[in-house]
Amino acid sequence: MTRFFRWSPRAYRSLLILYPEDLRRDFGQEMLEAFAQDLSAERSIGGIVRIWRITLRELIRIGFPAWLQIPAVFVPALSAATVVVSQSPLLIMSFRPGGATPLDALVAVTIEAAVAALTSFVAVHRWKRASLISLRIG
């Protein structure tokens, strides 16, 4: 269990990168110290699991939404999610007896084209809403 105690602060320090930069800069050291103090106060594995559960819930509520505000992260995440959703029916159909038909492949390609168009539209829309830095080229 002492190995887990030594590992936990290092793991938490690595997870701090998922928080917004200004939050890490202003409060990163205090967050790390508070986490270490919470761990040192616990002696049961149930208490440690509870601390990690609270920590991960906080990370999901604060860290991930902040990253999704960055278009360079949001657009690929949206694209990956839409590909998974759009390709799920084809994947399911390919496991059925007899496999996929040419019509199934045509439907999959059509869905993929529509998803690519929608993803591009969302990316451009979010890009236009963001404050862009002009390179003053041309």
C-alpha atoms as a PDB file:
ATOM      1  CA  MET A   1       0.000   0.000   0.000  1.00  0.00           C
ATOM      2  CA  THR A   2       2.954   2.361   0.534  1.00  0.00           C
ATOM      3  CA  ARG A   3       3.827   1.983  -3.146  1.00  0.00           C
ATOM      4  CA  PHE A   4       0.312   3.196  -3.997  1.00  0.00           C
ATOM      5  CA  PHE A   5       0.809   6.189  -1.660  1.00  0.00           C
ATOM      6  CA  ARG A   6       4.031   7.094  -3.467  1.00  0.00           C
ATOM      7  CA  TRP A   7       2.464   6.577  -6.882  1.00  0.00           C
ATOM      8  CA  SER A   8      -0.692   8.640  -6.283  1.00  0.00           C
ATOM      9  CA  PRO A   9       0.879  12.135  -6.042  1.00  0.00           C
ATOM     10  CA  ARG A  10       2.974  11.463  -9.152  1.00  0.00           C
ATOM     11  CA  ALA A  11      -0.098  10.309 -11.034  1.00  0.00           C
ATOM     12  CA  TYR A  12      -2.061  13.355  -9.857  1.00  0.00           C
ATOM     13  CA  ARG A  13       0.795  15.656 -10.933  1.00  0.00           C
ATOM     14  CA  SER A  14       0.581  14.092 -14.406  1.00  0.00           C
ATOM     15  CA  LEU A  15      -3.182  14.622 -14.500  1.00  0.00           C
ATOM     16  CA  LEU A  16      -2.798  18.328 -13.712  1.00  0.00           C
ATOM     17  CA  ILE A  17      -1.911  18.918 -17.370  1.00  0.00           C
ATOM     18  CA  LEU A  18      -5.589  18.298 -18.156  1.00  0.00           C
ATOM     19  CA  TYR A  19      -6.640  21.381 -16.188  1.00  0.00           C
ATOM     20  CA  PRO A  20      -6.710  24.824 -17.822  1.00  0.00           C
ATOM     21  CA  GLU A  21      -3.311  26.509 -17.986  1.00  0.00           C
ATOM     22  CA  ASP A  22      -4.271  29.525 -15.866  1.00  0.00           C
ATOM     23  CA  LEU A  23      -5.683  27.280 -13.140  1.00  0.00           C
ATOM     24  CA  ARG A  24      -2.498  25.175 -13.101  1.00  0.00           C
ATOM     25  CA  ARG A  25      -0.300  28.261 -13.054  1.00  0.00           C
ATOM     26  CA  ASP A  26      -2.186  29.952 -10.214  1.00  0.00           C
ATOM     27  CA  PHE A  27      -3.188  26.963  -8.071  1.00  0.00           C
ATOM     28  CA  GLY A  28      -1.299  23.893  -9.336  1.00  0.00           C
ATOM     29  CA  GLN A  29       1.073  23.649  -6.392  1.00  0.00           C
ATOM     30  CA  GLU A  30      -1.741  24.136  -3.879  1.00  0.00           C
ATOM     31  CA  MET A  31      -3.846  21.498  -5.648  1.00  0.00           C
ATOM     32  CA  LEU A  32      -0.968  19.040  -5.453  1.00  0.00           C
ATOM     33  CA  GLU A  33      -0.367  19.810  -1.765  1.00  0.00           C
ATOM     34  CA  ALA A  34      -4.081  19.448  -0.924  1.00  0.00           C
ATOM     35  CA  PHE A  35      -4.200  16.110  -2.726  1.00  0.00           C
ATOM     36  CA  ALA A  36      -1.132  14.867  -0.836  1.00  0.00           C
ATOM     37  CA  GLN A  37      -2.614  16.014   2.494  1.00  0.00           C
ATOM     38  CA  ASP A  38      -5.904  14.265   1.748  1.00  0.00           C
ATOM     39  CA  LEU A  39      -4.020  11.074   0.949  1.00  0.00           C
ATOM     40  CA  SER A  40      -1.882  11.252   4.075  1.00  0.00           C
ATOM     41  CA  ALA A  41      -4.999  11.648   6.227  1.00  0.00           C
ATOM     42  CA  GLU A  42      -6.467   8.406   4.873  1.00  0.00           C
ATOM     43  CA  ARG A  43      -5.300   4.989   6.009  1.00  0.00           C
ATOM     44  CA  SER A  44      -7.969   2.776   4.448  1.00  0.00           C
ATOM     45  CA  ILE A  45      -8.116   1.719   0.831  1.00  0.00           C
ATOM     46  CA  GLY A  46     -11.777   2.802   0.768  1.00  0.00           C
ATOM     47  CA  GLY A  47     -10.769   6.328   1.736  1.00  0.00           C
ATOM     48  CA  ILE A  48      -8.094   6.459  -0.939  1.00  0.00           C
ATOM     49  CA  VAL A  49     -10.548   5.228  -3.556  1.00  0.00           C
ATOM     50  CA  ARG A  50     -12.991   7.931  -2.426  1.00  0.00           C
ATOM     51  CA  ILE A  51     -10.302  10.625  -2.833  1.00  0.00           C
ATOM     52  CA  TRP A  52      -9.456   9.376  -6.321  1.00  0.00           C
ATOM     53  CA  ARG A  53     -13.154   9.238  -7.262  1.00  0.00           C
ATOM     54  CA  ILE A  54     -13.650  12.855  -6.167  1.00  0.00           C
ATOM     55  CA  THR A  55     -10.462  13.883  -7.966  1.00  0.00           C
ATOM     56  CA  LEU A  56     -11.454  12.233 -11.236  1.00  0.00           C
ATOM     57  CA  ARG A  57     -14.987  13.652 -11.043  1.00  0.00           C
ATOM     58  CA  GLU A  58     -13.486  17.134 -10.599  1.00  0.00           C
ATOM     59  CA  LEU A  59     -11.178  16.546 -13.548  1.00  0.00           C
ATOM     60  CA  ILE A  60     -14.095  15.528 -15.754  1.00  0.00           C
ATOM     61  CA  ARG A  61     -16.174  18.547 -14.666  1.00  0.00           C
ATOM     62  CA  ILE A  62     -13.389  21.154 -14.975  1.00  0.00           C
ATOM     63  CA  GLY A  63     -10.521  19.832 -17.085  1.00  0.00           C
ATOM     64  CA  PHE A  64     -12.216  18.220 -20.061  1.00  0.00           C
ATOM     65  CA  PRO A  65     -14.703  21.034 -20.771  1.00  0.00           C
ATOM     66  CA  ALA A  66     -11.818  23.518 -20.719  1.00  0.00           C
ATOM     67  CA  TRP A  67      -9.912  21.460 -23.281  1.00  0.00           C
ATOM     68  CA  LEU A  68     -13.000  21.217 -25.472  1.00  0.00           C
ATOM     69  CA  GLN A  69     -13.076  25.029 -25.680  1.00  0.00           C
ATOM     70  CA  ILE A  70      -9.898  24.835 -27.782  1.00  0.00           C
ATOM     71  CA  PRO A  71     -10.852  24.315 -31.454  1.00  0.00           C
ATOM     72  CA  ALA A  72      -7.680  22.283 -32.075  1.00  0.00           C
ATOM     73  CA  VAL A  73      -8.954  19.740 -29.533  1.00  0.00           C
ATOM     74  CA  PHE A  74     -12.700  20.069 -30.082  1.00  0.00           C
ATOM     75  CA  VAL A  75     -12.767  19.461 -33.841  1.00  0.00           C
ATOM     76  CA  PRO A  76     -10.799  16.177 -33.795  1.00  0.00           C
ATOM     77  CA  ALA A  77     -12.796  14.999 -30.766  1.00  0.00           C
ATOM     78  CA  LEU A  78     -16.050  15.794 -32.552  1.00  0.00           C
ATOM     79  CA  SER A  79     -14.801  14.138 -35.721  1.00  0.00           C
ATOM     80  CA  ALA A  80     -13.762  10.988 -33.872  1.00  0.00           C
ATOM     81  CA  ALA A  81     -17.078  10.797 -32.037  1.00  0.00           C
ATOM     82  CA  THR A  82     -19.092  11.238 -35.214  1.00  0.00           C
ATOM     83  CA  VAL A  83     -17.058   8.610 -37.059  1.00  0.00           C
ATOM     84  CA  VAL A  84     -17.635   6.129 -34.240  1.00  0.00           C
ATOM     85  CA  VAL A  85     -21.365   6.874 -34.218  1.00  0.00           C
ATOM     86  CA  SER A  86     -21.708   6.842 -37.993  1.00  0.00           C
ATOM     87  CA  GLN A  87     -19.725   3.648 -38.499  1.00  0.00           C
ATOM     88  CA  SER A  88     -21.433   1.700 -35.726  1.00  0.00           C
ATOM     89  CA  PRO A  89     -24.353   0.570 -37.947  1.00  0.00           C
ATOM     90  CA  LEU A  90     -21.955  -0.741 -40.619  1.00  0.00           C
ATOM     91  CA  LEU A  91     -19.904  -2.518 -37.975  1.00  0.00           C
ATOM     92  CA  ILE A  92     -23.042  -4.096 -36.532  1.00  0.00           C
ATOM     93  CA  MET A  93     -24.231  -5.122 -40.001  1.00  0.00           C
ATOM     94  CA  SER A  94     -20.869  -6.671 -40.841  1.00  0.00           C
ATOM     95  CA  PHE A  95     -21.223  -9.094 -37.922  1.00  0.00           C
ATOM     96  CA  ARG A  96     -24.629 -10.339 -38.979  1.00  0.00           C
ATOM     97  CA  PRO A  97     -24.871 -13.587 -40.964  1.00  0.00           C
ATOM     98  CA  GLY A  98     -24.038 -12.933 -44.596  1.00  0.00           C
ATOM     99  CA  GLY A  99     -22.123  -9.734 -43.850  1.00  0.00           C
ATOM    100  CA  ALA A 100     -22.658  -6.346 -45.455  1.00  0.00           C
ATOM    101  CA  THR A 101     -24.098  -5.927 -48.962  1.00  0.00           C
ATOM    102  CA  PRO A 102     -22.992  -3.391 -51.590  1.00  0.00           C
ATOM    103  CA  LEU A 103     -26.006  -1.287 -50.636  1.00  0.00           C
ATOM    104  CA  ASP A 104     -24.795  -1.303 -47.034  1.00  0.00           C
ATOM    105  CA  ALA A 105     -21.392  -0.012 -48.196  1.00  0.00           C
ATOM    106  CA  LEU A 106     -23.074   2.726 -50.273  1.00  0.00           C
ATOM    107  CA  VAL A 107     -25.146   3.775 -47.271  1.00  0.00           C
ATOM    108  CA  ALA A 108     -22.020   3.832 -45.088  1.00  0.00           C
ATOM    109  CA  VAL A 109     -20.136   5.984 -47.591  1.00  0.00           C
ATOM    110  CA  THR A 110     -23.088   8.383 -47.850  1.00  0.00           C
ATOM    111  CA  ILE A 111     -23.338   8.648 -44.075  1.00  0.00           C
ATOM    112  CA  GLU A 112     -19.586   9.228 -43.815  1.00  0.00           C
ATOM    113  CA  ALA A 113     -19.746  12.011 -46.411  1.00  0.00           C
ATOM    114  CA  ALA A 114     -22.593  13.673 -44.537  1.00  0.00           C
ATOM    115  CA  VAL A 115     -20.714  13.363 -41.255  1.00  0.00           C
ATOM    116  CA  ALA A 116     -17.569  14.874 -42.797  1.00  0.00           C
ATOM    117  CA  ALA A 117     -19.608  17.784 -44.135  1.00  0.00           C
ATOM    118  CA  LEU A 118     -21.312  18.348 -40.793  1.00  0.00           C
ATOM    119  CA  THR A 119     -18.002  18.167 -38.925  1.00  0.00           C
ATOM    120  CA  SER A 120     -16.445  20.692 -41.301  1.00  0.00           C
ATOM    121  CA  PHE A 121     -19.431  23.011 -40.883  1.00  0.00           C
ATOM    122  CA  VAL A 122     -19.175  22.867 -37.098  1.00  0.00           C
ATOM    123  CA  ALA A 123     -15.404  23.409 -37.250  1.00  0.00           C
ATOM    124  CA  VAL A 124     -15.746  26.468 -39.477  1.00  0.00           C
ATOM    125  CA  HIS A 125     -18.579  27.851 -37.362  1.00  0.00           C
ATOM    126  CA  ARG A 126     -16.603  27.474 -34.133  1.00  0.00           C
ATOM    127  CA  TRP A 127     -13.476  28.837 -35.827  1.00  0.00           C
ATOM    128  CA  LYS A 128     -15.322  31.977 -36.908  1.00  0.00           C
ATOM    129  CA  ARG A 129     -16.681  32.504 -33.395  1.00  0.00           C
ATOM    130  CA  ALA A 130     -13.206  32.239 -31.860  1.00  0.00           C
ATOM    131  CA  SER A 131     -11.041  35.332 -31.789  1.00  0.00           C
ATOM    132  CA  LEU A 132      -8.434  34.659 -34.424  1.00  0.00           C
ATOM    133  CA  ILE A 133      -4.954  36.068 -34.582  1.00  0.00           C
ATOM    134  CA  SER A 134      -4.212  37.535 -38.000  1.00  0.00           C
ATOM    135  CA  LEU A 135      -0.892  36.590 -39.544  1.00  0.00           C
ATOM    136  CA  ARG A 136      -1.177  39.593 -41.921  1.00  0.00           C
ATOM    137  CA  ILE A 137      -0.003  37.544 -44.871  1.00  0.00           C
ATOM    138  CA  GLY A 138      -0.880  38.767 -48.367  1.00  0.00           C
END
